[in-house]
Amino acid sequence: MKILVIGDCGSGKTALVNNLLGEEIAQEQAPSILSTFQGVFQGVPVTVHETSGLENPDAEGGTELNEDLRSLLRRGNVDVIIYCVKATETKMRNSLVNSLQRYTNMGLDWRKTVIALTFADVLPIPRHVRQERSYDPVRYFNARVAEWKQTLAQTLTNRIGVPIGLARELKVAPTTGDPAEELLNHEKWFGQMWSNVLDAIKAAPFTYRDGTFHA
C-alpha cells in the first residue's frame, strides 16, 4: 500500500504519517522535500511519502518537489493521496486555493484523494455558540465537517474547474493526533480514515500519458 501525504506547512502531515504507520517514525520539519517512510499496518506493508509542505511553487525547492511528485506517480509509487487541511481554519484562504490548484494542475485525480481535516480535536467553538440553549457539540461538530466538505467542493468546482459530480463525492475525514481518540461526535476517526483510504485505492490506477497523469 503506497500513500502520498501532502498539504501546506503545519497542516498535521507528520502526525498523520506516524499514526498511519503506528510508530513515531516521521519527524517534524523533515529536511527533505519529499520523505519516504515504511511500516506495516495489520500485516500489510505500507509506504508513506510525505512532502515538506511547500505550498508556493515559486519558492526554493518548489520545482524540485513538483519533479519528485511526478516521478513518484510515473513509477506507480502512489495508490492514494491524503491531502491534509486544518479543520481549525476559519475560511478558505488564497494560499490553500493555490495549493489545490497546483496539485490539480499536476493531474492528480480527486477520486483517489482523501481530505484529512486535521486538528479536529481542537476545533474552535465560538463563545456565543456555546452559550446558546440549543447548543449541542455533536450537532455543531457534524455541521462544521459538512460545511468544510461543501466549501471544498464549491472551491474545486467554481475556482479550479473540477467537475461538480467529482467534487461532491470528495472523501473528507476528520482526524486528531491520537488514533484511539474519539471525535466530538463520538466516532472513531482512525478506522474511518482507513476506510476512506481503501475506497480511494479501489479507483483506477494512475497512468502517465501526454505529459500528465490520468486515472
Protein backbone atom coordinates (compact mmCIF):
# COMPACT_ATOMS: atom_id res chain seq x y z
CA MET A 1 0.00 0.00 0.00
CA LYS A 2 1.59 3.26 -1.16
CA ILE A 3 0.28 6.54 0.25
CA LEU A 4 1.26 10.12 -0.57
CA VAL A 5 0.56 12.69 2.18
CA ILE A 6 0.51 16.30 1.01
CA GLY A 7 -0.62 19.67 2.36
CA ASP A 8 0.64 23.06 3.43
CA CYS A 9 3.24 23.60 6.14
CA GLY A 10 1.83 22.98 9.62
CA SER A 11 -1.20 21.06 8.35
CA GLY A 12 -0.54 17.99 10.50
CA LYS A 13 1.05 15.74 7.89
CA THR A 14 3.77 14.31 10.14
CA ALA A 15 1.39 13.34 12.94
CA LEU A 16 -0.87 11.61 10.43
CA VAL A 17 2.06 9.72 8.89
CA ASN A 18 3.09 8.44 12.34
CA ASN A 19 -0.48 7.38 13.08
CA LEU A 20 -0.82 5.54 9.78
CA LEU A 21 2.43 3.65 10.40
CA GLY A 22 1.73 3.06 14.09
CA GLU A 23 5.03 4.47 15.31
CA GLU A 24 6.93 7.74 15.71
CA ILE A 25 8.90 7.30 12.52
CA ALA A 26 8.47 10.70 10.88
CA GLN A 27 9.90 13.84 12.48
CA GLU A 28 8.56 17.37 12.47
CA GLN A 29 10.24 19.72 10.00
CA ALA A 30 11.83 16.94 7.96
CA PRO A 31 14.77 18.36 5.99
CA SER A 32 13.89 16.51 2.80
CA ILE A 33 11.50 17.99 0.26
CA LEU A 34 9.98 14.54 -0.11
CA SER A 35 10.49 11.94 2.65
CA THR A 36 9.62 8.25 2.44
CA PHE A 37 8.76 6.01 5.41
CA GLN A 38 7.89 2.33 5.58
CA GLY A 39 5.93 0.31 8.09
CA VAL A 40 3.27 -2.37 8.49
CA PHE A 41 -0.44 -1.93 9.19
CA GLN A 42 -2.38 -5.06 10.19
CA GLY A 43 0.16 -7.24 8.40
CA VAL A 44 0.16 -5.15 5.21
CA PRO A 45 3.40 -3.37 4.18
CA VAL A 46 2.78 0.38 3.93
CA THR A 47 4.95 3.01 2.28
CA VAL A 48 4.13 6.63 3.03
CA HIS A 49 5.61 9.54 1.11
CA GLU A 50 5.38 12.93 2.86
CA THR A 51 6.01 16.29 1.19
CA SER A 52 7.75 19.09 3.06
CA GLY A 53 4.69 21.30 2.58
CA LEU A 54 5.94 23.82 0.06
CA GLU A 55 2.68 25.48 -0.93
CA ASN A 56 4.40 28.11 -3.08
CA PRO A 57 5.66 26.54 -6.34
CA ASP A 58 7.96 29.53 -6.91
CA ALA A 59 9.68 29.14 -3.53
CA GLU A 60 13.07 27.48 -3.19
CA GLY A 61 12.62 23.76 -3.79
CA GLY A 62 9.19 24.15 -5.39
CA THR A 63 10.32 22.95 -8.81
CA GLU A 64 12.19 20.02 -7.27
CA LEU A 65 9.08 18.99 -5.32
CA ASN A 66 6.98 19.03 -8.49
CA GLU A 67 9.52 16.85 -10.26
CA ASP A 68 9.70 14.42 -7.33
CA LEU A 69 5.91 14.07 -7.19
CA ARG A 70 5.65 13.46 -10.93
CA SER A 71 8.43 10.88 -10.70
CA LEU A 72 6.60 9.06 -7.89
CA LEU A 73 3.39 8.90 -9.89
CA ARG A 74 5.13 7.96 -13.11
CA ARG A 75 6.76 4.96 -11.42
CA GLY A 76 3.44 3.83 -9.94
CA ASN A 77 4.58 4.51 -6.38
CA VAL A 78 1.29 6.07 -5.25
CA ASP A 79 -2.02 4.26 -4.68
CA VAL A 80 -3.85 7.04 -2.85
CA ILE A 81 -3.26 10.66 -1.83
CA ILE A 82 -4.16 12.14 1.56
CA TYR A 83 -4.45 15.92 1.42
CA CYS A 84 -4.17 17.50 4.89
CA VAL A 85 -6.26 20.59 5.65
CA LYS A 86 -6.55 22.08 9.13
CA ALA A 87 -10.09 21.81 10.47
CA THR A 88 -9.34 24.88 12.59
CA GLU A 89 -9.15 27.13 9.54
CA THR A 90 -11.95 29.68 9.59
CA LYS A 91 -12.01 30.45 5.87
CA MET A 92 -10.74 29.28 2.51
CA ARG A 93 -7.56 31.35 2.23
CA ASN A 94 -6.00 32.08 -1.15
CA SER A 95 -2.81 30.12 -0.41
CA LEU A 96 -4.89 26.99 0.17
CA VAL A 97 -6.79 27.57 -3.06
CA ASN A 98 -3.44 27.96 -4.85
CA SER A 99 -2.24 24.66 -3.37
CA LEU A 100 -5.40 22.88 -4.52
CA GLN A 101 -4.93 24.39 -7.97
CA ARG A 102 -1.29 23.36 -8.08
CA TYR A 103 -1.97 19.72 -7.34
CA THR A 104 -4.95 19.66 -9.69
CA ASN A 105 -2.75 21.02 -12.48
CA MET A 106 -0.41 18.08 -11.95
CA GLY A 107 -3.24 15.79 -12.99
CA LEU A 108 -3.92 14.23 -9.58
CA ASP A 109 -7.29 12.50 -9.58
CA TRP A 110 -9.59 13.67 -6.78
CA ARG A 111 -11.29 10.25 -6.85
CA LYS A 112 -8.06 8.88 -5.42
CA THR A 113 -7.72 11.67 -2.85
CA VAL A 114 -8.88 11.77 0.77
CA ILE A 115 -9.08 15.12 2.55
CA ALA A 116 -7.87 14.79 6.15
CA LEU A 117 -9.36 17.52 8.33
CA THR A 118 -6.55 17.61 10.85
CA PHE A 119 -6.66 19.06 14.39
CA ALA A 120 -10.36 18.21 14.58
CA ASP A 121 -9.99 17.74 18.34
CA VAL A 122 -9.26 21.45 18.82
CA LEU A 123 -11.99 22.77 16.56
CA PRO A 124 -12.76 26.28 17.87
CA ILE A 125 -16.30 26.78 19.11
CA PRO A 126 -17.32 30.45 19.41
CA ARG A 127 -18.38 31.52 22.88
CA HIS A 128 -21.77 32.77 21.73
CA VAL A 129 -22.47 29.36 20.20
CA ARG A 130 -21.58 27.54 23.43
CA GLN A 131 -23.86 29.85 25.38
CA GLU A 132 -26.90 29.08 23.26
CA ARG A 133 -29.51 26.93 24.98
CA SER A 134 -29.79 24.74 21.92
CA TYR A 135 -26.03 24.17 21.73
CA ASP A 136 -25.16 20.55 21.00
CA PRO A 137 -21.44 19.78 20.49
CA VAL A 138 -22.20 16.73 18.35
CA ARG A 139 -24.51 18.66 16.04
CA TYR A 140 -22.08 21.58 15.88
CA PHE A 141 -19.14 19.31 15.01
CA ASN A 142 -21.06 17.46 12.30
CA ALA A 143 -22.24 20.76 10.85
CA ARG A 144 -18.68 22.11 10.69
CA VAL A 145 -17.43 18.98 8.92
CA ALA A 146 -20.32 19.18 6.44
CA GLU A 147 -19.55 22.87 5.91
CA TRP A 148 -15.91 22.11 5.17
CA LYS A 149 -16.90 19.41 2.69
CA GLN A 150 -19.28 21.81 0.93
CA THR A 151 -16.70 24.61 0.88
CA LEU A 152 -14.04 22.35 -0.59
CA ALA A 153 -16.44 21.03 -3.22
CA GLN A 154 -17.52 24.54 -4.20
CA THR A 155 -13.91 25.73 -4.36
CA LEU A 156 -12.81 22.83 -6.52
CA THR A 157 -15.76 23.36 -8.88
CA ASN A 158 -16.01 27.15 -9.07
CA ARG A 159 -12.37 28.20 -8.77
CA ILE A 160 -10.38 25.21 -10.01
CA GLY A 161 -12.64 23.61 -12.60
CA VAL A 162 -13.11 20.14 -11.09
CA PRO A 163 -16.37 18.58 -12.36
CA ILE A 164 -19.15 19.18 -9.84
CA GLY A 165 -20.06 15.50 -9.53
CA LEU A 166 -16.48 14.57 -8.69
CA ALA A 167 -16.13 17.44 -6.22
CA ARG A 168 -19.30 16.46 -4.37
CA GLU A 169 -18.02 12.89 -3.96
CA LEU A 170 -14.82 14.10 -2.31
CA LYS A 171 -13.86 11.95 0.69
CA VAL A 172 -13.45 14.11 3.80
CA ALA A 173 -12.34 12.60 7.14
CA PRO A 174 -11.68 14.49 10.40
CA THR A 175 -8.53 13.41 12.25
CA THR A 176 -6.72 14.07 15.54
CA GLY A 177 -3.22 13.39 16.78
CA ASP A 178 -4.32 10.25 18.66
CA PRO A 179 -5.59 7.23 16.68
CA ALA A 180 -7.54 5.98 19.70
CA GLU A 181 -9.30 9.30 20.32
CA GLU A 182 -12.99 9.82 19.64
CA LEU A 183 -14.19 12.85 17.73
CA LEU A 184 -16.71 15.26 19.26
CA ASN A 185 -19.46 13.24 17.58
CA HIS A 186 -18.20 10.14 19.45
CA GLU A 187 -16.97 8.43 16.28
CA LYS A 188 -13.54 6.79 15.99
CA TRP A 189 -11.74 8.68 13.25
CA PHE A 190 -8.87 6.24 12.64
CA GLY A 191 -10.99 3.41 11.28
CA GLN A 192 -12.95 5.81 9.10
CA MET A 193 -9.75 7.24 7.67
CA TRP A 194 -8.50 3.79 6.66
CA SER A 195 -11.93 3.00 5.19
CA ASN A 196 -11.69 6.13 3.02
CA VAL A 197 -8.14 5.23 2.01
CA LEU A 198 -9.19 1.76 0.91
CA ASP A 199 -12.15 3.17 -1.04
CA ALA A 200 -9.82 5.58 -2.84
CA ILE A 201 -7.38 2.81 -3.67
CA LYS A 202 -10.18 0.97 -5.49
CA ALA A 203 -10.29 3.79 -8.05
CA ALA A 204 -8.50 3.21 -11.36
CA PRO A 205 -4.68 3.31 -11.12
CA PHE A 206 -2.71 6.36 -12.21
CA THR A 207 -1.29 6.32 -15.73
CA TYR A 208 1.05 8.83 -17.34
CA ARG A 209 0.45 9.99 -20.89
CA ASP A 210 0.54 13.19 -22.90
CA GLY A 211 2.66 14.84 -20.23
CA THR A 212 0.11 14.48 -17.43
CA PHE A 213 -1.49 11.89 -15.15
CA HIS A 214 -4.80 10.15 -15.72
CA ALA A 215 -6.88 7.56 -13.87
